[in-house]
Amino acid sequence: MTDPAMAVAMATVRSDAQERERSRGSAAHAPASVISSSPVSASSPSSSAPTPAAPVAIIGTGAMGGAILRGLLAHGIAPGDLIGVDAAPARQAELTALGVRTMTAEEAASTARTIVVAVKPYAVTALLDSIASSLRKDALVVSVAAGISTTILEEHLADAAVVRVMPNTPARVGEGMAAITPGLNVTEEQTASVVALFETIGRAAVVPESLQDSVTAISGSGPAYLLLVVESMIDAGVLLGVPRPLATELAVQTITGTAALLRETGEHPALLRESVTSPGGSTAAALRQLEDHRLKAAFTDAMEACAKRNAELGDVG
């Protein structure tokens, strides 16, 4: 059964998809659609969710493709139901050692019911063109390439069932966050199966495509921002005389614990920050320096630049 929050999200996504379909036949300067105030549904792993239709092929088994493959194996998908496509001989050997079948992209397209495209954005359209004629009629194609819209996926795959996903690198340790946008020809059951797929490596949210660039600026690229913060804390700790291994442990656990505190309490970050900040104290002095350096404005500028660049990456035709 689909939970109520997911049902709301699916209705919003359907509306977004219908708007995209209408826009294909509308004038170039048609007004943008209005986005619902509740456009997403975030989920945590659920044992009752549909599983991806097997066989599942993963084209590109690098960092993200490899994480997805390991997540599926860890959640009970039989190695024989998985197909790996990778040009690197070393990765092919690893796949074989795991009991995962290896094939060419064209062979995988003609065999798999669920195909995960995990190659770099610049390589996506050429790959899609190479597999389009080989796809099974019941195939579901899931792309994790940044910036590549469902419209582009559908154009290169003759309007097949496609889903666009923006995952992030914590998926490598089962703590990822994935934003999922179904295309025009995707059923609710197929969308739920993609949510289940990404719940094997973290959490997932169904979002309208109009939010994908913004979502990328938050969760897709977010790990890089936080890693820069941790790196800066470690380096500053060393400057203050703390041995690097200890500075690293202190910074990493502080980030980890703070994230857990946010999730478990559900309190606003500002309230939790205030609870650490005594009037006239050392934390207040530190925050004053960050404010003087316009930290919030820097984050806003960085995320706006990220969203803009992600949109540019999608202009591949």
C-alpha atoms as a PDB file:
ATOM      1  CA  MET A   1       0.000   0.000   0.000  1.00  0.00           C
ATOM      2  CA  THR A   2       1.176   3.550  -0.724  1.00  0.00           C
ATOM      3  CA  ASP A   3       1.297   5.732   2.414  1.00  0.00           C
ATOM      4  CA  PRO A   4      -0.678   9.029   2.449  1.00  0.00           C
ATOM      5  CA  ALA A   5       2.418  11.234   2.195  1.00  0.00           C
ATOM      6  CA  MET A   6       3.616   9.286  -0.821  1.00  0.00           C
ATOM      7  CA  ALA A   7       0.175   9.580  -2.401  1.00  0.00           C
ATOM      8  CA  VAL A   8       0.300  13.380  -2.030  1.00  0.00           C
ATOM      9  CA  ALA A   9       3.764  13.462  -3.567  1.00  0.00           C
ATOM     10  CA  MET A  10       2.713  11.230  -6.446  1.00  0.00           C
ATOM     11  CA  ALA A  11      -0.273  13.479  -7.187  1.00  0.00           C
ATOM     12  CA  THR A  12       2.019  16.507  -7.284  1.00  0.00           C
ATOM     13  CA  VAL A  13       4.514  14.743  -9.516  1.00  0.00           C
ATOM     14  CA  ARG A  14       1.711  13.647 -11.868  1.00  0.00           C
ATOM     15  CA  SER A  15       0.586  17.267 -12.070  1.00  0.00           C
ATOM     16  CA  ASP A  16       4.152  18.332 -12.839  1.00  0.00           C
ATOM     17  CA  ALA A  17       4.437  15.651 -15.514  1.00  0.00           C
ATOM     18  CA  GLN A  18       1.132  16.708 -17.071  1.00  0.00           C
ATOM     19  CA  GLU A  19       2.409  20.268 -17.199  1.00  0.00           C
ATOM     20  CA  ARG A  20       5.578  19.076 -18.950  1.00  0.00           C
ATOM     21  CA  GLU A  21       3.465  17.153 -21.462  1.00  0.00           C
ATOM     22  CA  ARG A  22       1.321  20.226 -22.149  1.00  0.00           C
ATOM     23  CA  SER A  23       4.417  22.392 -22.488  1.00  0.00           C
ATOM     24  CA  ARG A  24       5.740  20.191 -25.284  1.00  0.00           C
ATOM     25  CA  GLY A  25       2.935  21.438 -27.506  1.00  0.00           C
ATOM     26  CA  SER A  26       2.684  24.972 -26.100  1.00  0.00           C
ATOM     27  CA  ALA A  27       4.298  28.211 -27.162  1.00  0.00           C
ATOM     28  CA  ALA A  28       7.907  28.741 -26.097  1.00  0.00           C
ATOM     29  CA  HIS A  29       6.929  31.533 -23.695  1.00  0.00           C
ATOM     30  CA  ALA A  30       4.174  29.720 -21.822  1.00  0.00           C
ATOM     31  CA  PRO A  31       4.011  30.653 -18.106  1.00  0.00           C
ATOM     32  CA  ALA A  32       5.769  28.372 -15.600  1.00  0.00           C
ATOM     33  CA  SER A  33       3.618  26.051 -13.522  1.00  0.00           C
ATOM     34  CA  VAL A  34       2.945  26.779  -9.866  1.00  0.00           C
ATOM     35  CA  ILE A  35       4.561  24.292  -7.489  1.00  0.00           C
ATOM     36  CA  SER A  36       2.565  22.793  -4.637  1.00  0.00           C
ATOM     37  CA  SER A  37       3.575  23.828  -1.121  1.00  0.00           C
ATOM     38  CA  SER A  38       3.918  20.113  -0.279  1.00  0.00           C
ATOM     39  CA  PRO A  39       5.721  18.743  -3.330  1.00  0.00           C
ATOM     40  CA  VAL A  40       7.774  15.938  -1.857  1.00  0.00           C
ATOM     41  CA  SER A  41       7.489  12.812   0.199  1.00  0.00           C
ATOM     42  CA  ALA A  42      10.573  11.674   2.059  1.00  0.00           C
ATOM     43  CA  SER A  43      10.803   8.065   3.078  1.00  0.00           C
ATOM     44  CA  SER A  44      12.970   5.793   5.150  1.00  0.00           C
ATOM     45  CA  PRO A  45      13.494   2.111   4.396  1.00  0.00           C
ATOM     46  CA  SER A  46      10.345  -0.031   4.439  1.00  0.00           C
ATOM     47  CA  SER A  47      10.159  -3.792   4.150  1.00  0.00           C
ATOM     48  CA  SER A  48       6.695  -3.609   2.522  1.00  0.00           C
ATOM     49  CA  ALA A  49       7.750  -1.516  -0.492  1.00  0.00           C
ATOM     50  CA  PRO A  50       7.860  -3.115  -3.949  1.00  0.00           C
ATOM     51  CA  THR A  51      11.266  -4.320  -5.052  1.00  0.00           C
ATOM     52  CA  PRO A  52      12.791  -3.333  -8.403  1.00  0.00           C
ATOM     53  CA  ALA A  53      11.739  -5.638 -11.230  1.00  0.00           C
ATOM     54  CA  ALA A  54      14.521  -8.130 -11.920  1.00  0.00           C
ATOM     55  CA  PRO A  55      16.807  -8.596 -13.658  1.00  0.00           C
ATOM     56  CA  VAL A  56      18.369  -5.266 -12.643  1.00  0.00           C
ATOM     57  CA  ALA A  57      21.200  -3.940 -14.811  1.00  0.00           C
ATOM     58  CA  ILE A  58      23.598  -1.264 -13.629  1.00  0.00           C
ATOM     59  CA  ILE A  59      25.460   0.454 -16.434  1.00  0.00           C
ATOM     60  CA  GLY A  60      28.545   1.995 -14.863  1.00  0.00           C
ATOM     61  CA  THR A  61      29.644   0.379 -11.589  1.00  0.00           C
ATOM     62  CA  GLY A  62      31.863   3.152 -10.257  1.00  0.00           C
ATOM     63  CA  ALA A  63      31.194   5.021  -7.012  1.00  0.00           C
ATOM     64  CA  MET A  64      27.411   5.450  -7.322  1.00  0.00           C
ATOM     65  CA  GLY A  65      26.631   2.440  -9.504  1.00  0.00           C
ATOM     66  CA  GLY A  66      28.753   0.273  -7.233  1.00  0.00           C
ATOM     67  CA  ALA A  67      26.971   1.595  -4.137  1.00  0.00           C
ATOM     68  CA  ILE A  68      23.585   0.759  -5.656  1.00  0.00           C
ATOM     69  CA  LEU A  69      24.760  -2.735  -6.554  1.00  0.00           C
ATOM     70  CA  ARG A  70      26.095  -3.369  -3.034  1.00  0.00           C
ATOM     71  CA  GLY A  71      22.866  -2.047  -1.517  1.00  0.00           C
ATOM     72  CA  LEU A  72      20.777  -4.428  -3.601  1.00  0.00           C
ATOM     73  CA  LEU A  73      22.972  -7.370  -2.652  1.00  0.00           C
ATOM     74  CA  ALA A  74      22.831  -6.420   1.029  1.00  0.00           C
ATOM     75  CA  HIS A  75      19.015  -6.345   0.891  1.00  0.00           C
ATOM     76  CA  GLY A  76      18.652  -9.836  -0.488  1.00  0.00           C
ATOM     77  CA  ILE A  77      18.629  -9.384  -4.252  1.00  0.00           C
ATOM     78  CA  ALA A  78      20.249 -12.538  -5.662  1.00  0.00           C
ATOM     79  CA  PRO A  79      23.531 -11.933  -7.539  1.00  0.00           C
ATOM     80  CA  GLY A  80      22.062 -13.833 -10.471  1.00  0.00           C
ATOM     81  CA  ASP A  81      19.318 -11.204 -10.757  1.00  0.00           C
ATOM     82  CA  LEU A  82      21.901  -8.448 -11.195  1.00  0.00           C
ATOM     83  CA  ILE A  83      23.801  -7.425 -14.323  1.00  0.00           C
ATOM     84  CA  GLY A  84      26.861  -5.209 -14.308  1.00  0.00           C
ATOM     85  CA  VAL A  85      28.098  -3.225 -17.280  1.00  0.00           C
ATOM     86  CA  ASP A  86      31.544  -1.680 -17.001  1.00  0.00           C
ATOM     87  CA  ALA A  87      34.452  -1.227 -19.406  1.00  0.00           C
ATOM     88  CA  ALA A  88      37.107  -1.550 -16.703  1.00  0.00           C
ATOM     89  CA  PRO A  89      38.505  -5.117 -16.554  1.00  0.00           C
ATOM     90  CA  ALA A  90      39.149  -4.839 -12.809  1.00  0.00           C
ATOM     91  CA  ARG A  91      35.507  -3.997 -12.129  1.00  0.00           C
ATOM     92  CA  GLN A  92      34.338  -6.788 -14.420  1.00  0.00           C
ATOM     93  CA  ALA A  93      36.441  -9.208 -12.367  1.00  0.00           C
ATOM     94  CA  GLU A  94      34.921  -7.884  -9.130  1.00  0.00           C
ATOM     95  CA  LEU A  95      31.415  -8.318 -10.507  1.00  0.00           C
ATOM     96  CA  THR A  96      32.147 -11.882 -11.573  1.00  0.00           C
ATOM     97  CA  ALA A  97      33.581 -12.652  -8.134  1.00  0.00           C
ATOM     98  CA  LEU A  98      30.309 -11.462  -6.580  1.00  0.00           C
ATOM     99  CA  GLY A  99      28.297 -13.743  -8.861  1.00  0.00           C
ATOM    100  CA  VAL A 100      26.935 -10.780 -10.850  1.00  0.00           C
ATOM    101  CA  ARG A 101      26.589 -11.309 -14.594  1.00  0.00           C
ATOM    102  CA  THR A 102      28.552  -9.002 -16.880  1.00  0.00           C
ATOM    103  CA  MET A 103      27.316  -7.944 -20.307  1.00  0.00           C
ATOM    104  CA  THR A 104      27.593  -5.190 -22.873  1.00  0.00           C
ATOM    105  CA  ALA A 105      25.158  -2.290 -22.531  1.00  0.00           C
ATOM    106  CA  GLU A 106      23.135  -3.548 -25.495  1.00  0.00           C
ATOM    107  CA  GLU A 107      22.913  -7.077 -24.063  1.00  0.00           C
ATOM    108  CA  ALA A 108      21.871  -5.715 -20.676  1.00  0.00           C
ATOM    109  CA  ALA A 109      19.179  -3.542 -22.274  1.00  0.00           C
ATOM    110  CA  SER A 110      17.616  -6.535 -23.988  1.00  0.00           C
ATOM    111  CA  THR A 111      17.708  -8.618 -20.792  1.00  0.00           C
ATOM    112  CA  ALA A 112      16.962  -6.375 -17.812  1.00  0.00           C
ATOM    113  CA  ARG A 113      13.585  -5.074 -16.671  1.00  0.00           C
ATOM    114  CA  THR A 114      15.179  -2.329 -14.560  1.00  0.00           C
ATOM    115  CA  ILE A 115      18.197  -0.483 -15.974  1.00  0.00           C
ATOM    116  CA  VAL A 116      20.190   1.980 -13.867  1.00  0.00           C
ATOM    117  CA  VAL A 117      22.249   4.406 -15.945  1.00  0.00           C
ATOM    118  CA  ALA A 118      25.170   5.463 -13.764  1.00  0.00           C
ATOM    119  CA  VAL A 119      27.579   7.041 -16.238  1.00  0.00           C
ATOM    120  CA  LYS A 120      28.830  10.641 -16.379  1.00  0.00           C
ATOM    121  CA  PRO A 121      26.349  13.217 -17.757  1.00  0.00           C
ATOM    122  CA  TYR A 122      28.375  13.844 -20.912  1.00  0.00           C
ATOM    123  CA  ALA A 123      28.149  10.139 -21.823  1.00  0.00           C
ATOM    124  CA  VAL A 124      24.434   9.655 -21.210  1.00  0.00           C
ATOM    125  CA  THR A 125      22.857  10.524 -24.559  1.00  0.00           C
ATOM    126  CA  ALA A 126      25.304   8.429 -26.585  1.00  0.00           C
ATOM    127  CA  LEU A 127      24.633   5.496 -24.248  1.00  0.00           C
ATOM    128  CA  LEU A 128      20.867   5.945 -24.532  1.00  0.00           C
ATOM    129  CA  ASP A 129      21.082   6.003 -28.325  1.00  0.00           C
ATOM    130  CA  SER A 130      23.123   2.795 -28.282  1.00  0.00           C
ATOM    131  CA  ILE A 131      20.593   0.854 -26.180  1.00  0.00           C
ATOM    132  CA  ALA A 132      17.291   2.350 -27.392  1.00  0.00           C
ATOM    133  CA  SER A 133      16.576  -0.317 -29.995  1.00  0.00           C
ATOM    134  CA  SER A 134      17.492  -3.141 -27.591  1.00  0.00           C
ATOM    135  CA  LEU A 135      15.221  -2.208 -24.688  1.00  0.00           C
ATOM    136  CA  ARG A 136      12.529  -4.614 -23.550  1.00  0.00           C
ATOM    137  CA  LYS A 137       9.017  -3.212 -23.874  1.00  0.00           C
ATOM    138  CA  ASP A 138       8.531  -3.505 -20.100  1.00  0.00           C
ATOM    139  CA  ALA A 139      11.895  -1.930 -19.222  1.00  0.00           C
ATOM    140  CA  LEU A 140      12.206   0.855 -16.659  1.00  0.00           C
ATOM    141  CA  VAL A 141      15.249   3.088 -17.146  1.00  0.00           C
ATOM    142  CA  VAL A 142      16.587   4.935 -14.094  1.00  0.00           C
ATOM    143  CA  SER A 143      19.190   7.665 -14.627  1.00  0.00           C
ATOM    144  CA  VAL A 144      21.382   9.028 -11.829  1.00  0.00           C
ATOM    145  CA  ALA A 145      23.221  11.455 -14.124  1.00  0.00           C
ATOM    146  CA  ALA A 146      23.210  15.043 -12.864  1.00  0.00           C
ATOM    147  CA  GLY A 147      21.156  17.491 -14.879  1.00  0.00           C
ATOM    148  CA  ILE A 148      19.688  15.040 -17.403  1.00  0.00           C
ATOM    149  CA  SER A 149      15.925  15.643 -17.544  1.00  0.00           C
ATOM    150  CA  THR A 150      13.221  13.061 -18.067  1.00  0.00           C
ATOM    151  CA  THR A 151      12.382  14.839 -21.329  1.00  0.00           C
ATOM    152  CA  ILE A 152      15.884  14.152 -22.673  1.00  0.00           C
ATOM    153  CA  LEU A 153      15.717  10.548 -21.462  1.00  0.00           C
ATOM    154  CA  GLU A 154      12.366  10.021 -23.184  1.00  0.00           C
ATOM    155  CA  GLU A 155      13.497  11.666 -26.417  1.00  0.00           C
ATOM    156  CA  HIS A 156      16.468   9.309 -26.716  1.00  0.00           C
ATOM    157  CA  LEU A 157      14.529   6.216 -25.638  1.00  0.00           C
ATOM    158  CA  ALA A 158      11.411   6.578 -27.776  1.00  0.00           C
ATOM    159  CA  ASP A 159       9.207   7.530 -24.811  1.00  0.00           C
ATOM    160  CA  ALA A 160      10.147   4.536 -22.669  1.00  0.00           C
ATOM    161  CA  ALA A 161       9.375   4.513 -18.940  1.00  0.00           C
ATOM    162  CA  VAL A 162      12.160   6.624 -17.382  1.00  0.00           C
ATOM    163  CA  VAL A 163      12.961   7.959 -13.925  1.00  0.00           C
ATOM    164  CA  ARG A 164      15.417  10.704 -13.042  1.00  0.00           C
ATOM    165  CA  VAL A 165      17.226  10.393  -9.705  1.00  0.00           C
ATOM    166  CA  MET A 166      19.665  12.675  -7.887  1.00  0.00           C
ATOM    167  CA  PRO A 167      21.472  10.576  -5.270  1.00  0.00           C
ATOM    168  CA  ASN A 168      24.475  11.590  -3.172  1.00  0.00           C
ATOM    169  CA  THR A 169      27.752  10.036  -2.082  1.00  0.00           C
ATOM    170  CA  PRO A 170      26.767   8.967   1.474  1.00  0.00           C
ATOM    171  CA  ALA A 171      24.955   6.171  -0.395  1.00  0.00           C
ATOM    172  CA  ARG A 172      28.345   4.446  -0.301  1.00  0.00           C
ATOM    173  CA  VAL A 173      27.799   3.812   3.431  1.00  0.00           C
ATOM    174  CA  GLY A 174      24.023   3.326   3.311  1.00  0.00           C
ATOM    175  CA  GLU A 175      23.207   6.894   4.354  1.00  0.00           C
ATOM    176  CA  GLY A 176      22.362   8.456   1.009  1.00  0.00           C
ATOM    177  CA  MET A 177      19.561  10.843   0.070  1.00  0.00           C
ATOM    178  CA  ALA A 178      17.922  10.395  -3.333  1.00  0.00           C
ATOM    179  CA  ALA A 179      15.465  12.727  -5.076  1.00  0.00           C
ATOM    180  CA  ILE A 180      13.254  10.809  -7.535  1.00  0.00           C
ATOM    181  CA  THR A 181      11.269  12.176 -10.485  1.00  0.00           C
ATOM    182  CA  PRO A 182       9.208   9.771 -12.620  1.00  0.00           C
ATOM    183  CA  GLY A 183       8.730  10.445 -16.321  1.00  0.00           C
ATOM    184  CA  LEU A 184       5.461  10.631 -18.226  1.00  0.00           C
ATOM    185  CA  ASN A 185       5.099   6.873 -18.809  1.00  0.00           C
ATOM    186  CA  VAL A 186       5.947   5.609 -15.319  1.00  0.00           C
ATOM    187  CA  THR A 187       3.322   3.960 -13.134  1.00  0.00           C
ATOM    188  CA  GLU A 188       2.932   4.533  -9.399  1.00  0.00           C
ATOM    189  CA  GLU A 189       4.093   0.964  -8.806  1.00  0.00           C
ATOM    190  CA  GLN A 190       7.257   1.588 -10.828  1.00  0.00           C
ATOM    191  CA  THR A 191       7.926   4.789  -8.913  1.00  0.00           C
ATOM    192  CA  ALA A 192       7.493   2.927  -5.642  1.00  0.00           C
ATOM    193  CA  SER A 193       9.963   0.291  -6.841  1.00  0.00           C
ATOM    194  CA  VAL A 194      12.564   2.984  -7.543  1.00  0.00           C
ATOM    195  CA  VAL A 195      11.990   4.451  -4.086  1.00  0.00           C
ATOM    196  CA  ALA A 196      12.562   0.959  -2.676  1.00  0.00           C
ATOM    197  CA  LEU A 197      15.741   0.607  -4.746  1.00  0.00           C
ATOM    198  CA  PHE A 198      17.243   3.771  -3.275  1.00  0.00           C
ATOM    199  CA  GLU A 199      16.059   2.937   0.221  1.00  0.00           C
ATOM    200  CA  THR A 200      18.611   0.117   0.099  1.00  0.00           C
ATOM    201  CA  ILE A 201      21.306   2.817   0.327  1.00  0.00           C
ATOM    202  CA  GLY A 202      19.600   5.466   2.459  1.00  0.00           C
ATOM    203  CA  ARG A 203      16.459   7.555   2.139  1.00  0.00           C
ATOM    204  CA  ALA A 204      14.416   8.756  -0.830  1.00  0.00           C
ATOM    205  CA  ALA A 205      12.000  11.545  -1.728  1.00  0.00           C
ATOM    206  CA  VAL A 206       9.684  11.838  -4.732  1.00  0.00           C
ATOM    207  CA  VAL A 207       9.951  15.371  -6.157  1.00  0.00           C
ATOM    208  CA  PRO A 208       8.600  17.228  -9.204  1.00  0.00           C
ATOM    209  CA  GLU A 209      11.205  17.826 -11.896  1.00  0.00           C
ATOM    210  CA  SER A 210      10.947  21.571 -11.415  1.00  0.00           C
ATOM    211  CA  LEU A 211      12.767  21.120  -8.091  1.00  0.00           C
ATOM    212  CA  GLN A 212      15.565  18.833  -9.263  1.00  0.00           C
ATOM    213  CA  ASP A 213      18.180  21.555  -9.786  1.00  0.00           C
ATOM    214  CA  SER A 214      17.423  23.021  -6.366  1.00  0.00           C
ATOM    215  CA  VAL A 215      17.487  19.585  -4.751  1.00  0.00           C
ATOM    216  CA  THR A 216      20.889  18.973  -6.316  1.00  0.00           C
ATOM    217  CA  ALA A 217      22.142  22.167  -4.676  1.00  0.00           C
ATOM    218  CA  ILE A 218      21.027  20.860  -1.267  1.00  0.00           C
ATOM    219  CA  SER A 219      21.571  17.122  -1.086  1.00  0.00           C
ATOM    220  CA  GLY A 220      23.352  16.221  -4.315  1.00  0.00           C
ATOM    221  CA  SER A 221      26.296  18.567  -3.783  1.00  0.00           C
ATOM    222  CA  GLY A 222      25.691  19.080  -0.062  1.00  0.00           C
ATOM    223  CA  PRO A 223      28.235  16.478   1.077  1.00  0.00           C
ATOM    224  CA  ALA A 224      31.008  18.558  -0.541  1.00  0.00           C
ATOM    225  CA  TYR A 225      30.005  21.642   1.462  1.00  0.00           C
ATOM    226  CA  LEU A 226      29.945  19.718   4.718  1.00  0.00           C
ATOM    227  CA  LEU A 227      33.253  18.028   3.951  1.00  0.00           C
ATOM    228  CA  LEU A 228      34.798  21.461   3.398  1.00  0.00           C
ATOM    229  CA  VAL A 229      33.452  22.524   6.804  1.00  0.00           C
ATOM    230  CA  VAL A 230      34.930  19.418   8.445  1.00  0.00           C
ATOM    231  CA  GLU A 231      38.235  19.930   6.647  1.00  0.00           C
ATOM    232  CA  SER A 232      38.350  23.536   7.877  1.00  0.00           C
ATOM    233  CA  MET A 233      37.580  22.500  11.461  1.00  0.00           C
ATOM    234  CA  ILE A 234      40.328  19.875  11.387  1.00  0.00           C
ATOM    235  CA  ASP A 235      42.916  22.287   9.966  1.00  0.00           C
ATOM    236  CA  ALA A 236      41.970  24.955  12.499  1.00  0.00           C
ATOM    237  CA  GLY A 237      42.253  22.373  15.280  1.00  0.00           C
ATOM    238  CA  VAL A 238      45.761  21.475  14.162  1.00  0.00           C
ATOM    239  CA  LEU A 239      46.659  25.180  14.105  1.00  0.00           C
ATOM    240  CA  LEU A 240      45.431  25.351  17.715  1.00  0.00           C
ATOM    241  CA  GLY A 241      47.769  22.515  18.698  1.00  0.00           C
ATOM    242  CA  VAL A 242      45.443  19.484  18.523  1.00  0.00           C
ATOM    243  CA  PRO A 243      47.045  16.388  16.903  1.00  0.00           C
ATOM    244  CA  ARG A 244      45.477  15.772  13.469  1.00  0.00           C
ATOM    245  CA  PRO A 245      44.035  12.295  14.268  1.00  0.00           C
ATOM    246  CA  LEU A 246      42.325  13.684  17.379  1.00  0.00           C
ATOM    247  CA  ALA A 247      41.131  16.808  15.541  1.00  0.00           C
ATOM    248  CA  THR A 248      39.675  14.551  12.863  1.00  0.00           C
ATOM    249  CA  GLU A 249      37.844  12.373  15.394  1.00  0.00           C
ATOM    250  CA  LEU A 250      36.472  15.427  17.204  1.00  0.00           C
ATOM    251  CA  ALA A 251      35.226  17.106  14.017  1.00  0.00           C
ATOM    252  CA  VAL A 252      33.731  13.993  12.417  1.00  0.00           C
ATOM    253  CA  GLN A 253      31.884  12.909  15.564  1.00  0.00           C
ATOM    254  CA  THR A 254      30.617  16.446  16.099  1.00  0.00           C
ATOM    255  CA  ILE A 255      29.123  16.519  12.587  1.00  0.00           C
ATOM    256  CA  THR A 256      27.697  12.997  12.987  1.00  0.00           C
ATOM    257  CA  GLY A 257      26.220  13.711  16.409  1.00  0.00           C
ATOM    258  CA  THR A 258      24.732  17.032  15.357  1.00  0.00           C
ATOM    259  CA  ALA A 259      23.012  15.418  12.375  1.00  0.00           C
ATOM    260  CA  ALA A 260      21.557  12.747  14.672  1.00  0.00           C
ATOM    261  CA  LEU A 261      20.426  15.434  17.119  1.00  0.00           C
ATOM    262  CA  LEU A 262      18.619  17.307  14.351  1.00  0.00           C
ATOM    263  CA  ARG A 263      16.847  14.195  13.089  1.00  0.00           C
ATOM    264  CA  GLU A 264      15.878  12.754  16.453  1.00  0.00           C
ATOM    265  CA  THR A 265      14.682  15.970  18.120  1.00  0.00           C
ATOM    266  CA  GLY A 266      13.023  17.491  15.058  1.00  0.00           C
ATOM    267  CA  GLU A 267      13.897  20.924  16.422  1.00  0.00           C
ATOM    268  CA  HIS A 268      14.794  23.885  14.222  1.00  0.00           C
ATOM    269  CA  PRO A 269      18.570  24.246  13.706  1.00  0.00           C
ATOM    270  CA  ALA A 270      18.458  27.797  15.067  1.00  0.00           C
ATOM    271  CA  LEU A 271      16.953  26.597  18.367  1.00  0.00           C
ATOM    272  CA  LEU A 272      19.581  23.891  18.749  1.00  0.00           C
ATOM    273  CA  ARG A 273      22.320  26.391  17.912  1.00  0.00           C
ATOM    274  CA  GLU A 274      21.010  28.793  20.535  1.00  0.00           C
ATOM    275  CA  SER A 275      21.137  26.017  23.132  1.00  0.00           C
ATOM    276  CA  VAL A 276      24.914  25.805  22.593  1.00  0.00           C
ATOM    277  CA  THR A 277      25.459  29.561  22.543  1.00  0.00           C
ATOM    278  CA  SER A 278      25.777  31.253  25.929  1.00  0.00           C
ATOM    279  CA  PRO A 279      25.561  35.067  25.949  1.00  0.00           C
ATOM    280  CA  GLY A 280      29.054  36.512  25.783  1.00  0.00           C
ATOM    281  CA  GLY A 281      30.590  33.031  25.618  1.00  0.00           C
ATOM    282  CA  SER A 282      33.186  31.379  23.414  1.00  0.00           C
ATOM    283  CA  THR A 283      30.636  29.931  20.957  1.00  0.00           C
ATOM    284  CA  ALA A 284      29.072  33.379  20.530  1.00  0.00           C
ATOM    285  CA  ALA A 285      32.520  34.787  19.765  1.00  0.00           C
ATOM    286  CA  ALA A 286      33.079  32.116  17.106  1.00  0.00           C
ATOM    287  CA  LEU A 287      29.669  32.644  15.514  1.00  0.00           C
ATOM    288  CA  ARG A 288      30.327  36.392  15.373  1.00  0.00           C
ATOM    289  CA  GLN A 289      33.392  35.699  13.218  1.00  0.00           C
ATOM    290  CA  LEU A 290      31.395  33.446  10.882  1.00  0.00           C
ATOM    291  CA  GLU A 291      28.708  36.107  10.566  1.00  0.00           C
ATOM    292  CA  ASP A 292      31.350  38.769   9.854  1.00  0.00           C
ATOM    293  CA  HIS A 293      32.567  36.541   7.013  1.00  0.00           C
ATOM    294  CA  ARG A 294      28.986  36.278   5.648  1.00  0.00           C
ATOM    295  CA  LEU A 295      28.782  32.495   6.012  1.00  0.00           C
ATOM    296  CA  LYS A 296      25.036  32.268   5.278  1.00  0.00           C
ATOM    297  CA  ALA A 297      25.344  34.517   2.239  1.00  0.00           C
ATOM    298  CA  ALA A 298      28.252  32.422   0.990  1.00  0.00           C
ATOM    299  CA  PHE A 299      26.156  29.252   1.250  1.00  0.00           C
ATOM    300  CA  THR A 300      23.260  30.906  -0.579  1.00  0.00           C
ATOM    301  CA  ASP A 301      25.537  32.110  -3.384  1.00  0.00           C
ATOM    302  CA  ALA A 302      27.196  28.698  -3.652  1.00  0.00           C
ATOM    303  CA  MET A 303      23.904  26.823  -3.842  1.00  0.00           C
ATOM    304  CA  GLU A 304      22.468  29.207  -6.427  1.00  0.00           C
ATOM    305  CA  ALA A 305      25.587  28.650  -8.544  1.00  0.00           C
ATOM    306  CA  CYS A 306      25.212  24.892  -8.112  1.00  0.00           C
ATOM    307  CA  ALA A 307      21.573  24.891  -9.247  1.00  0.00           C
ATOM    308  CA  LYS A 308      22.415  27.058 -12.252  1.00  0.00           C
ATOM    309  CA  ARG A 309      25.296  24.820 -13.309  1.00  0.00           C
ATOM    310  CA  ASN A 310      23.180  21.695 -12.884  1.00  0.00           C
ATOM    311  CA  ALA A 311      20.605  23.159 -15.272  1.00  0.00           C
ATOM    312  CA  GLU A 312      23.392  23.897 -17.763  1.00  0.00           C
ATOM    313  CA  LEU A 313      24.600  20.287 -17.562  1.00  0.00           C
ATOM    314  CA  GLY A 314      21.183  19.193 -18.761  1.00  0.00           C
ATOM    315  CA  ASP A 315      21.467  21.183 -21.995  1.00  0.00           C
ATOM    316  CA  VAL A 316      22.919  18.245 -23.875  1.00  0.00           C
ATOM    317  CA  GLY A 317      20.129  17.716 -26.427  1.00  0.00           C
END
